[in-house]
C-alpha cells in the first residue's frame, strides 16, 4: 500500500470502516459519472465545464478506486506500473504509420 492509499485507509477507518465491495464499486461508478459530466462540460458537449471541478472529480475517482484497491490489498502504483509496461510492450507499434508496399 502506497502513502496515498494509507491516507485513504486511515480516513476510512476513522469513519468506521470500509463499505462492502459492491457498495464501493457503486460509489466508484457514481464518481466516474460525475467525472463524465464534467468532461462533457469541459469539451462543450453538454453544459459548461470547470477546471477546478474536473480536478475534484478526478480526485474523487482516485479516492473511490483506492478504497477498492485497499480492500483487495492492491497497491495502485504498482498496478499502474504493470499496466504501463503491458501497454508499452503490447501497443508499442499501435501508432506507427503503415508502410506502403
C-alpha atoms as a PDB file:
ATOM      1  CA  UNK A   1       0.000   0.000   0.000  1.00  0.00           C
ATOM      2  CA  UNK A   2       1.477   3.329  -1.018  1.00  0.00           C
ATOM      3  CA  UNK A   3       1.409   6.541   1.020  1.00  0.00           C
ATOM      4  CA  UNK A   4      -1.768   7.894  -0.578  1.00  0.00           C
ATOM      5  CA  UNK A   5      -3.634   4.653  -0.091  1.00  0.00           C
ATOM      6  CA  UNK A   6      -2.540   4.642   3.556  1.00  0.00           C
ATOM      7  CA  UNK A   7      -4.049   8.117   3.967  1.00  0.00           C
ATOM      8  CA  UNK A   8      -7.323   6.878   2.475  1.00  0.00           C
ATOM      9  CA  UNK A   9      -7.207   3.831   4.749  1.00  0.00           C
ATOM     10  CA  UNK A  10      -6.682   5.967   7.857  1.00  0.00           C
ATOM     11  CA  UNK A  11      -9.605   8.226   6.957  1.00  0.00           C
ATOM     12  CA  UNK A  12     -11.953   5.349   6.149  1.00  0.00           C
ATOM     13  CA  UNK A  13     -11.080   3.640   9.434  1.00  0.00           C
ATOM     14  CA  UNK A  14     -11.775   6.924  11.287  1.00  0.00           C
ATOM     15  CA  UNK A  15     -15.216   6.905   9.662  1.00  0.00           C
ATOM     16  CA  UNK A  16     -15.923   3.371  10.856  1.00  0.00           C
ATOM     17  CA  UNK A  17     -14.559   1.131   8.113  1.00  0.00           C
ATOM     18  CA  UNK A  18     -14.973   0.221   4.506  1.00  0.00           C
ATOM     19  CA  UNK A  19     -18.225  -0.475   2.730  1.00  0.00           C
ATOM     20  CA  UNK A  20     -18.656  -3.829   1.041  1.00  0.00           C
ATOM     21  CA  UNK A  21     -17.091  -4.364  -2.395  1.00  0.00           C
ATOM     22  CA  UNK A  22     -20.343  -3.882  -4.315  1.00  0.00           C
ATOM     23  CA  UNK A  23     -21.104  -0.630  -2.482  1.00  0.00           C
ATOM     24  CA  UNK A  24     -17.597   0.604  -3.174  1.00  0.00           C
ATOM     25  CA  UNK A  25     -17.978  -0.310  -6.848  1.00  0.00           C
ATOM     26  CA  UNK A  26     -21.263   1.604  -6.973  1.00  0.00           C
ATOM     27  CA  UNK A  27     -19.547   4.620  -5.374  1.00  0.00           C
ATOM     28  CA  UNK A  28     -16.755   4.431  -7.966  1.00  0.00           C
ATOM     29  CA  UNK A  29     -19.271   4.290 -10.801  1.00  0.00           C
ATOM     30  CA  UNK A  30     -21.104   7.290  -9.337  1.00  0.00           C
ATOM     31  CA  UNK A  31     -17.847   9.245  -9.238  1.00  0.00           C
ATOM     32  CA  UNK A  32     -16.983   8.216 -12.809  1.00  0.00           C
ATOM     33  CA  UNK A  33     -20.409   9.509 -13.854  1.00  0.00           C
ATOM     34  CA  UNK A  34     -19.693  12.847 -12.199  1.00  0.00           C
ATOM     35  CA  UNK A  35     -16.307  12.956 -13.927  1.00  0.00           C
ATOM     36  CA  UNK A  36     -18.007  12.206 -17.240  1.00  0.00           C
ATOM     37  CA  UNK A  37     -20.427  15.069 -16.750  1.00  0.00           C
ATOM     38  CA  UNK A  38     -17.551  17.446 -16.039  1.00  0.00           C
ATOM     39  CA  UNK A  39     -15.570  16.326 -19.089  1.00  0.00           C
ATOM     40  CA  UNK A  40     -18.636  16.771 -21.291  1.00  0.00           C
ATOM     41  CA  UNK A  41     -18.891  20.310 -19.956  1.00  0.00           C
ATOM     42  CA  UNK A  42     -15.187  20.992 -20.452  1.00  0.00           C
ATOM     43  CA  UNK A  43     -15.466  19.870 -24.073  1.00  0.00           C
ATOM     44  CA  UNK A  44     -18.596  21.931 -24.706  1.00  0.00           C
ATOM     45  CA  UNK A  45     -20.743  18.881 -25.391  1.00  0.00           C
ATOM     46  CA  UNK A  46     -23.152  19.391 -22.525  1.00  0.00           C
ATOM     47  CA  UNK A  47     -23.229  22.325 -20.174  1.00  0.00           C
ATOM     48  CA  UNK A  48     -20.163  24.213 -19.067  1.00  0.00           C
ATOM     49  CA  UNK A  49     -17.081  22.693 -17.514  1.00  0.00           C
ATOM     50  CA  UNK A  50     -14.978  23.913 -14.674  1.00  0.00           C
ATOM     51  CA  UNK A  51     -11.297  23.037 -14.293  1.00  0.00           C
ATOM     52  CA  UNK A  52     -11.490  23.106 -10.500  1.00  0.00           C
ATOM     53  CA  UNK A  53     -14.490  20.762 -10.530  1.00  0.00           C
ATOM     54  CA  UNK A  54     -12.723  18.450 -13.010  1.00  0.00           C
ATOM     55  CA  UNK A  55      -9.787  18.203 -10.615  1.00  0.00           C
ATOM     56  CA  UNK A  56     -12.150  17.458  -7.728  1.00  0.00           C
ATOM     57  CA  UNK A  57     -13.908  14.700  -9.664  1.00  0.00           C
ATOM     58  CA  UNK A  58     -10.595  13.110 -10.680  1.00  0.00           C
ATOM     59  CA  UNK A  59      -9.612  13.095  -7.016  1.00  0.00           C
ATOM     60  CA  UNK A  60     -12.939  11.539  -6.037  1.00  0.00           C
ATOM     61  CA  UNK A  61     -12.455   8.769  -8.604  1.00  0.00           C
ATOM     62  CA  UNK A  62      -8.976   8.070  -7.236  1.00  0.00           C
ATOM     63  CA  UNK A  63     -10.327   8.031  -3.689  1.00  0.00           C
ATOM     64  CA  UNK A  64     -13.074   5.546  -4.569  1.00  0.00           C
ATOM     65  CA  UNK A  65     -10.615   3.423  -6.550  1.00  0.00           C
ATOM     66  CA  UNK A  66      -8.192   3.500  -3.615  1.00  0.00           C
ATOM     67  CA  UNK A  67     -10.895   2.131  -1.326  1.00  0.00           C
ATOM     68  CA  UNK A  68     -11.425  -0.838  -3.633  1.00  0.00           C
ATOM     69  CA  UNK A  69      -7.687  -1.405  -4.009  1.00  0.00           C
ATOM     70  CA  UNK A  70      -7.214  -1.275  -0.237  1.00  0.00           C
ATOM     71  CA  UNK A  71      -9.999  -3.801   0.284  1.00  0.00           C
ATOM     72  CA  UNK A  72      -8.248  -6.237  -2.050  1.00  0.00           C
ATOM     73  CA  UNK A  73      -4.732  -5.332  -0.839  1.00  0.00           C
ATOM     74  CA  UNK A  74      -3.602  -3.991  -4.215  1.00  0.00           C
ATOM     75  CA  UNK A  75      -1.002  -1.229  -4.409  1.00  0.00           C
ATOM     76  CA  UNK A  76      -2.360   1.090  -7.108  1.00  0.00           C
ATOM     77  CA  UNK A  77       1.037   2.500  -8.042  1.00  0.00           C
ATOM     78  CA  UNK A  78       2.438  -0.990  -8.559  1.00  0.00           C
ATOM     79  CA  UNK A  79      -0.628  -1.926 -10.607  1.00  0.00           C
ATOM     80  CA  UNK A  80      -0.171   1.236 -12.684  1.00  0.00           C
ATOM     81  CA  UNK A  81       3.481   0.400 -13.342  1.00  0.00           C
ATOM     82  CA  UNK A  82       2.453  -3.068 -14.510  1.00  0.00           C
ATOM     83  CA  UNK A  83      -0.173  -1.558 -16.819  1.00  0.00           C
ATOM     84  CA  UNK A  84       2.331   0.891 -18.273  1.00  0.00           C
ATOM     85  CA  UNK A  85       4.671  -1.973 -19.087  1.00  0.00           C
ATOM     86  CA  UNK A  86       1.811  -4.014 -20.542  1.00  0.00           C
ATOM     87  CA  UNK A  87       0.794  -1.164 -22.847  1.00  0.00           C
ATOM     88  CA  UNK A  88       4.408  -0.410 -23.715  1.00  0.00           C
ATOM     89  CA  UNK A  89       5.007  -3.931 -24.990  1.00  0.00           C
ATOM     90  CA  UNK A  90       1.544  -4.703 -26.367  1.00  0.00           C
ATOM     91  CA  UNK A  91       0.922  -1.390 -28.086  1.00  0.00           C
ATOM     92  CA  UNK A  92       4.444  -0.330 -28.993  1.00  0.00           C
ATOM     93  CA  UNK A  93       3.626  -0.252 -32.691  1.00  0.00           C
ATOM     94  CA  UNK A  94      -0.016   0.803 -32.492  1.00  0.00           C
ATOM     95  CA  UNK A  95       0.550   4.407 -33.623  1.00  0.00           C
ATOM     96  CA  UNK A  96       3.108   3.746 -36.319  1.00  0.00           C
ATOM     97  CA  UNK A  97       2.066   4.748 -39.785  1.00  0.00           C
ATOM     98  CA  UNK A  98       1.598   1.750 -42.048  1.00  0.00           C
ATOM     99  CA  UNK A  99       4.321   1.350 -44.625  1.00  0.00           C
ATOM    100  CA  UNK A 100       3.224   1.360 -48.253  1.00  0.00           C
ATOM    101  CA  UNK A 101       4.113  -1.560 -50.385  1.00  0.00           C
END
